[in-house]
C-alpha atoms as a PDB file:
ATOM      1  CA  MET A   1      84.343 171.324 121.233  1.00  0.00           C
ATOM      2  CA  SER A   2      88.016 170.739 121.712  1.00  0.00           C
ATOM      3  CA  ARG A   3      89.928 167.773 120.437  1.00  0.00           C
ATOM      4  CA  PRO A   4      91.501 165.371 122.933  1.00  0.00           C
ATOM      5  CA  THR A   5      95.213 165.763 123.219  1.00  0.00           C
ATOM      6  CA  ARG A   6      97.658 162.963 122.884  1.00  0.00           C
ATOM      7  CA  VAL A   7      99.408 162.354 126.128  1.00  0.00           C
ATOM      8  CA  LEU A   8     102.907 161.009 126.659  1.00  0.00           C
ATOM      9  CA  ARG A   9     104.202 160.161 130.068  1.00  0.00           C
ATOM     10  CA  MET A  10     107.870 159.967 130.794  1.00  0.00           C
ATOM     11  CA  ASN A  11     109.031 157.618 133.460  1.00  0.00           C
ATOM     12  CA  PRO A  12     111.747 159.128 135.534  1.00  0.00           C
ATOM     13  CA  ALA A  13     115.148 157.755 134.714  1.00  0.00           C
ATOM     14  CA  THR A  14     117.781 156.955 137.188  1.00  0.00           C
ATOM     15  CA  PRO A  15     120.868 159.075 136.941  1.00  0.00           C
ATOM     16  CA  GLY A  16     123.058 157.976 134.013  1.00  0.00           C
ATOM     17  CA  SER A  17     120.325 155.987 132.202  1.00  0.00           C
ATOM     18  CA  THR A  18     118.120 156.717 129.224  1.00  0.00           C
ATOM     19  CA  PRO A  19     114.588 157.879 130.053  1.00  0.00           C
ATOM     20  CA  ARG A  20     111.840 155.331 129.351  1.00  0.00           C
ATOM     21  CA  CYS A  21     108.518 156.249 127.860  1.00  0.00           C
ATOM     22  CA  SER A  22     105.109 154.852 128.330  1.00  0.00           C
ATOM     23  CA  VAL A  23     102.784 155.826 125.577  1.00  0.00           C
ATOM     24  CA  LEU A  24      99.134 156.143 126.215  1.00  0.00           C
ATOM     25  CA  HIS A  25      98.232 156.993 122.635  1.00  0.00           C
ATOM     26  CA  TRP A  26     101.185 157.386 120.282  1.00  0.00           C
ATOM     27  CA  GLN A  27     104.427 155.627 120.919  1.00  0.00           C
ATOM     28  CA  SER A  28     106.184 157.188 117.931  1.00  0.00           C
ATOM     29  CA  ARG A  29     106.405 160.565 119.701  1.00  0.00           C
ATOM     30  CA  CYS A  30     108.475 159.183 122.508  1.00  0.00           C
ATOM     31  CA  SER A  31     112.180 159.609 122.278  1.00  0.00           C
ATOM     32  CA  GLY A  32     114.712 157.283 123.741  1.00  0.00           C
ATOM     33  CA  SER A  33     116.229 153.908 123.019  1.00  0.00           C
ATOM     34  CA  HIS A  34     113.320 151.855 124.373  1.00  0.00           C
ATOM     35  CA  ALA A  35     110.599 153.673 122.484  1.00  0.00           C
ATOM     36  CA  ASN A  36     110.561 151.503 119.345  1.00  0.00           C
ATOM     37  CA  ALA A  37     111.988 148.304 120.831  1.00  0.00           C
ATOM     38  CA  PRO A  38     109.942 145.221 120.014  1.00  0.00           C
ATOM     39  CA  SER A  39     108.120 143.712 122.907  1.00  0.00           C
ATOM     40  CA  LYS A  40     109.639 140.503 124.198  1.00  0.00           C
ATOM     41  CA  SER A  41     107.264 137.579 123.971  1.00  0.00           C
ATOM     42  CA  SER A  42     107.781 134.044 125.172  1.00  0.00           C
ATOM     43  CA  GLY A  43     105.813 132.563 122.213  1.00  0.00           C
ATOM     44  CA  MET A  44     107.041 131.356 118.839  1.00  0.00           C
ATOM     45  CA  THR A  45     106.467 133.100 115.550  1.00  0.00           C
ATOM     46  CA  LEU A  46     104.518 131.454 112.750  1.00  0.00           C
ATOM     47  CA  VAL A  47     107.704 130.969 110.742  1.00  0.00           C
ATOM     48  CA  GLU A  48     109.341 129.165 113.651  1.00  0.00           C
ATOM     49  CA  VAL A  49     106.325 126.902 114.089  1.00  0.00           C
ATOM     50  CA  LEU A  50     106.266 126.120 110.350  1.00  0.00           C
ATOM     51  CA  ALA A  51     109.999 125.331 110.392  1.00  0.00           C
ATOM     52  CA  VAL A  52     109.501 122.879 113.256  1.00  0.00           C
ATOM     53  CA  VAL A  53     106.560 121.236 111.468  1.00  0.00           C
ATOM     54  CA  VAL A  54     108.580 120.842 108.250  1.00  0.00           C
ATOM     55  CA  ILE A  55     111.552 119.333 110.099  1.00  0.00           C
ATOM     56  CA  LEU A  56     109.335 116.877 111.995  1.00  0.00           C
ATOM     57  CA  SER A  57     107.539 115.914 108.769  1.00  0.00           C
ATOM     58  CA  LEU A  58     110.832 115.185 107.007  1.00  0.00           C
ATOM     59  CA  LEU A  59     112.031 113.116 109.945  1.00  0.00           C
ATOM     60  CA  ALA A  60     108.777 111.137 110.046  1.00  0.00           C
ATOM     61  CA  ALA A  61     108.893 110.497 106.288  1.00  0.00           C
ATOM     62  CA  THR A  62     112.471 109.246 106.532  1.00  0.00           C
ATOM     63  CA  LEU A  63     111.582 106.877 109.358  1.00  0.00           C
ATOM     64  CA  VAL A  64     108.518 105.519 107.542  1.00  0.00           C
ATOM     65  CA  ILE A  65     110.538 104.824 104.399  1.00  0.00           C
ATOM     66  CA  SER A  66     113.296 103.115 106.391  1.00  0.00           C
ATOM     67  CA  PHE A  67     110.809 101.098 108.398  1.00  0.00           C
ATOM     68  CA  SER A  68     108.827  99.927 105.368  1.00  0.00           C
ATOM     69  CA  GLY A  69     112.010  98.666 103.720  1.00  0.00           C
ATOM     70  CA  SER A  70     112.877  96.751 106.880  1.00  0.00           C
ATOM     71  CA  VAL A  71     109.434  95.148 107.040  1.00  0.00           C
ATOM     72  CA  ALA A  72     109.666  93.975 103.426  1.00  0.00           C
ATOM     73  CA  LYS A  73     113.097  92.434 104.034  1.00  0.00           C
ATOM     74  CA  ALA A  74     111.899  90.828 107.266  1.00  0.00           C
ATOM     75  CA  LYS A  75     108.978  89.156 105.471  1.00  0.00           C
ATOM     76  CA  GLN A  76     111.373  87.738 102.862  1.00  0.00           C
ATOM     77  CA  ASP A  77     113.552  86.376 105.698  1.00  0.00           C
ATOM     78  CA  VAL A  78     110.525  84.853 107.447  1.00  0.00           C
ATOM     79  CA  ALA A  79     109.540  83.127 104.190  1.00  0.00           C
ATOM     80  CA  ARG A  80     113.061  81.668 103.815  1.00  0.00           C
ATOM     81  CA  THR A  81     112.994  80.382 107.394  1.00  0.00           C
ATOM     82  CA  ALA A  82     109.544  78.847 106.929  1.00  0.00           C
ATOM     83  CA  ILE A  83     110.636  77.143 103.700  1.00  0.00           C
ATOM     84  CA  SER A  84     113.610  75.666 105.591  1.00  0.00           C
ATOM     85  CA  GLN A  85     111.208  74.289 108.184  1.00  0.00           C
ATOM     86  CA  LEU A  86     108.955  72.880 105.457  1.00  0.00           C
ATOM     87  CA  ILE A  87     111.968  71.156 103.865  1.00  0.00           C
ATOM     88  CA  GLN A  88     112.813  69.486 107.191  1.00  0.00           C
ATOM     89  CA  LYS A  89     109.236  68.284 107.621  1.00  0.00           C
ATOM     90  CA  LEU A  90     109.118  66.978 104.039  1.00  0.00           C
ATOM     91  CA  GLU A  91     112.334  65.034 104.649  1.00  0.00           C
ATOM     92  CA  LEU A  92     110.747  63.447 107.744  1.00  0.00           C
ATOM     93  CA  TYR A  93     107.624  62.638 105.686  1.00  0.00           C
ATOM     94  CA  ARG A  94     109.734  60.951 102.996  1.00  0.00           C
ATOM     95  CA  MET A  95     111.652  58.899 105.582  1.00  0.00           C
ATOM     96  CA  GLU A  96     108.431  57.651 107.200  1.00  0.00           C
ATOM     97  CA  ARG A  97     106.412  57.113 104.012  1.00  0.00           C
ATOM     98  CA  SER A  98     109.247  56.327 101.565  1.00  0.00           C
ATOM     99  CA  ALA A  99     107.792  58.812  99.073  1.00  0.00           C
ATOM    100  CA  TRP A 100     107.216  62.516  98.563  1.00  0.00           C
ATOM    101  CA  PRO A 101     103.680  63.892  98.735  1.00  0.00           C
ATOM    102  CA  GLU A 102     101.867  63.981  95.397  1.00  0.00           C
ATOM    103  CA  ASN A 103     101.488  67.367  93.652  1.00  0.00           C
ATOM    104  CA  GLU A 104      97.716  67.339  94.190  1.00  0.00           C
ATOM    105  CA  LEU A 105      98.095  66.850  97.938  1.00  0.00           C
ATOM    106  CA  GLY A 106     101.158  69.062  98.227  1.00  0.00           C
ATOM    107  CA  LEU A 107     102.076  70.516 101.594  1.00  0.00           C
ATOM    108  CA  ARG A 108      98.644  69.673 103.016  1.00  0.00           C
ATOM    109  CA  ALA A 109     100.170  66.211 103.590  1.00  0.00           C
ATOM    110  CA  LEU A 110     101.961  67.775 106.556  1.00  0.00           C
ATOM    111  CA  SER A 111      98.871  69.169 108.246  1.00  0.00           C
ATOM    112  CA  ASP A 112      95.404  68.440 109.622  1.00  0.00           C
ATOM    113  CA  GLY A 113      93.391  65.816 107.780  1.00  0.00           C
ATOM    114  CA  HIS A 114      96.506  64.079 106.473  1.00  0.00           C
ATOM    115  CA  ALA A 115      98.752  64.081 109.545  1.00  0.00           C
ATOM    116  CA  THR A 116      98.187  64.133 113.286  1.00  0.00           C
ATOM    117  CA  PRO A 117     100.007  66.226 115.871  1.00  0.00           C
ATOM    118  CA  GLY A 118     101.868  63.054 116.908  1.00  0.00           C
ATOM    119  CA  ASP A 119     103.448  62.617 113.472  1.00  0.00           C
ATOM    120  CA  PRO A 120     107.032  63.897 113.249  1.00  0.00           C
ATOM    121  CA  TRP A 121     106.257  65.747 110.018  1.00  0.00           C
ATOM    122  CA  TYR A 122     103.117  67.462 111.359  1.00  0.00           C
ATOM    123  CA  LEU A 123     102.752  71.227 110.966  1.00  0.00           C
ATOM    124  CA  GLU A 124      99.875  73.416 112.101  1.00  0.00           C
ATOM    125  CA  PRO A 125      97.820  74.711 109.144  1.00  0.00           C
ATOM    126  CA  ASP A 126      98.904  78.341 109.677  1.00  0.00           C
ATOM    127  CA  LYS A 127     102.548  77.260 109.145  1.00  0.00           C
ATOM    128  CA  LEU A 128     101.627  76.442 105.545  1.00  0.00           C
ATOM    129  CA  LEU A 129     100.940  80.134 104.801  1.00  0.00           C
ATOM    130  CA  ASP A 130     103.635  82.580 103.749  1.00  0.00           C
ATOM    131  CA  PRO A 131     104.066  85.995 105.444  1.00  0.00           C
ATOM    132  CA  TRP A 132     101.554  87.455 102.948  1.00  0.00           C
ATOM    133  CA  ASN A 133      98.896  84.881 104.040  1.00  0.00           C
ATOM    134  CA  GLU A 134      99.103  82.899 100.819  1.00  0.00           C
ATOM    135  CA  PRO A 135      99.814  79.146 100.758  1.00  0.00           C
ATOM    136  CA  TYR A 136     103.303  77.977  99.896  1.00  0.00           C
ATOM    137  CA  TRP A 137     103.492  76.144  96.585  1.00  0.00           C
ATOM    138  CA  PHE A 138     104.818  72.589  96.339  1.00  0.00           C
ATOM    139  CA  VAL A 139     105.994  71.401  92.917  1.00  0.00           C
ATOM    140  CA  THR A 140     107.294  67.955  91.984  1.00  0.00           C
ATOM    141  CA  PRO A 141     109.677  67.398  90.356  1.00  0.00           C
ATOM    142  CA  GLY A 142     111.748  70.428  91.240  1.00  0.00           C
ATOM    143  CA  PRO A 143     114.394  72.241  89.195  1.00  0.00           C
ATOM    144  CA  ASP A 144     117.797  70.740  88.386  1.00  0.00           C
ATOM    145  CA  GLN A 145     116.659  67.174  89.122  1.00  0.00           C
ATOM    146  CA  HIS A 146     115.634  67.921  92.694  1.00  0.00           C
ATOM    147  CA  PRO A 147     112.594  65.929  93.812  1.00  0.00           C
ATOM    148  CA  TYR A 148     110.538  69.024  94.703  1.00  0.00           C
ATOM    149  CA  GLU A 149     110.491  72.784  95.063  1.00  0.00           C
ATOM    150  CA  ILE A 150     108.696  74.897  97.662  1.00  0.00           C
ATOM    151  CA  LEU A 151     107.995  78.506  96.802  1.00  0.00           C
ATOM    152  CA  SER A 152     106.227  81.685  97.764  1.00  0.00           C
ATOM    153  CA  TYR A 153     105.346  84.253  95.119  1.00  0.00           C
ATOM    154  CA  GLY A 154     106.068  87.194  97.434  1.00  0.00           C
ATOM    155  CA  ALA A 155     103.856  90.174  98.238  1.00  0.00           C
ATOM    156  CA  ASP A 156     102.209  90.385  94.810  1.00  0.00           C
ATOM    157  CA  GLY A 157     101.317  86.672  94.657  1.00  0.00           C
ATOM    158  CA  GLN A 158     102.590  86.518  91.049  1.00  0.00           C
ATOM    159  CA  PRO A 159     105.611  84.675  89.624  1.00  0.00           C
ATOM    160  CA  GLY A 160     108.735  86.826  89.303  1.00  0.00           C
ATOM    161  CA  GLY A 161     109.110  90.300  90.708  1.00  0.00           C
ATOM    162  CA  THR A 162     111.714  92.258  92.591  1.00  0.00           C
ATOM    163  CA  GLY A 163     112.067  93.522  96.142  1.00  0.00           C
ATOM    164  CA  GLU A 164     109.090  92.553  98.276  1.00  0.00           C
ATOM    165  CA  ASP A 165     107.396  91.023  95.216  1.00  0.00           C
ATOM    166  CA  ALA A 166     110.320  88.647  94.521  1.00  0.00           C
ATOM    167  CA  ASP A 167     109.716  84.909  94.728  1.00  0.00           C
ATOM    168  CA  VAL A 168     111.279  82.968  97.588  1.00  0.00           C
ATOM    169  CA  THR A 169     112.040  79.331  96.747  1.00  0.00           C
ATOM    170  CA  SER A 170     113.754  76.290  98.164  1.00  0.00           C
ATOM    171  CA  ALA A 171     116.102  76.565  95.164  1.00  0.00           C
ATOM    172  CA  ASP A 172     117.236  79.950  96.585  1.00  0.00           C
ATOM    173  CA  LEU A 173     118.194  78.176  99.797  1.00  0.00           C
ATOM    174  CA  ARG A 174     120.227  75.605  97.869  1.00  0.00           C
ATOM    175  CA  GLY A 175     121.979  78.427  96.001  1.00  0.00           C
ATOM    176  CA  LEU A 176     120.618  77.384  92.615  1.00  0.00           C
ATOM    177  CA  LYS A 177     119.145  80.782  91.699  1.00  0.00           C
END
């Protein structure tokens, strides 16, 4: 029995060009500049895909970090604005009633059960919650001989803290802290 032979076919070249080979079995036997040329593919290599994934991951991480910092700052700003609104409503309460609410009643004096929607100091119950869904605190007397202080304990709900956990108080708005 005879062994099969390896067959090479040469494609005819045009005058002045290098002959091209088409290999049926062994490409390494073909001579010419196109014999060992890599095939051109329209796909991406694994390294290219991994590089794109890494770049997109870094971009996403950067955006998430930036966005989370913005959300924390925005919640602090919302708390300051809400405290300003509470101060205005407390001032209206004092003008109408000639007294501040008692500590036990606190800011509930401005809402359902103690005020009606027709009262100038009325606030809806959800306006008495800080951006972290905790009630604002009302303390009488306040610091530095002020009649009261309104405060939110921030994201952690504990006194003190920094960043998103920092307290927001009416004293901050007066520039006392």
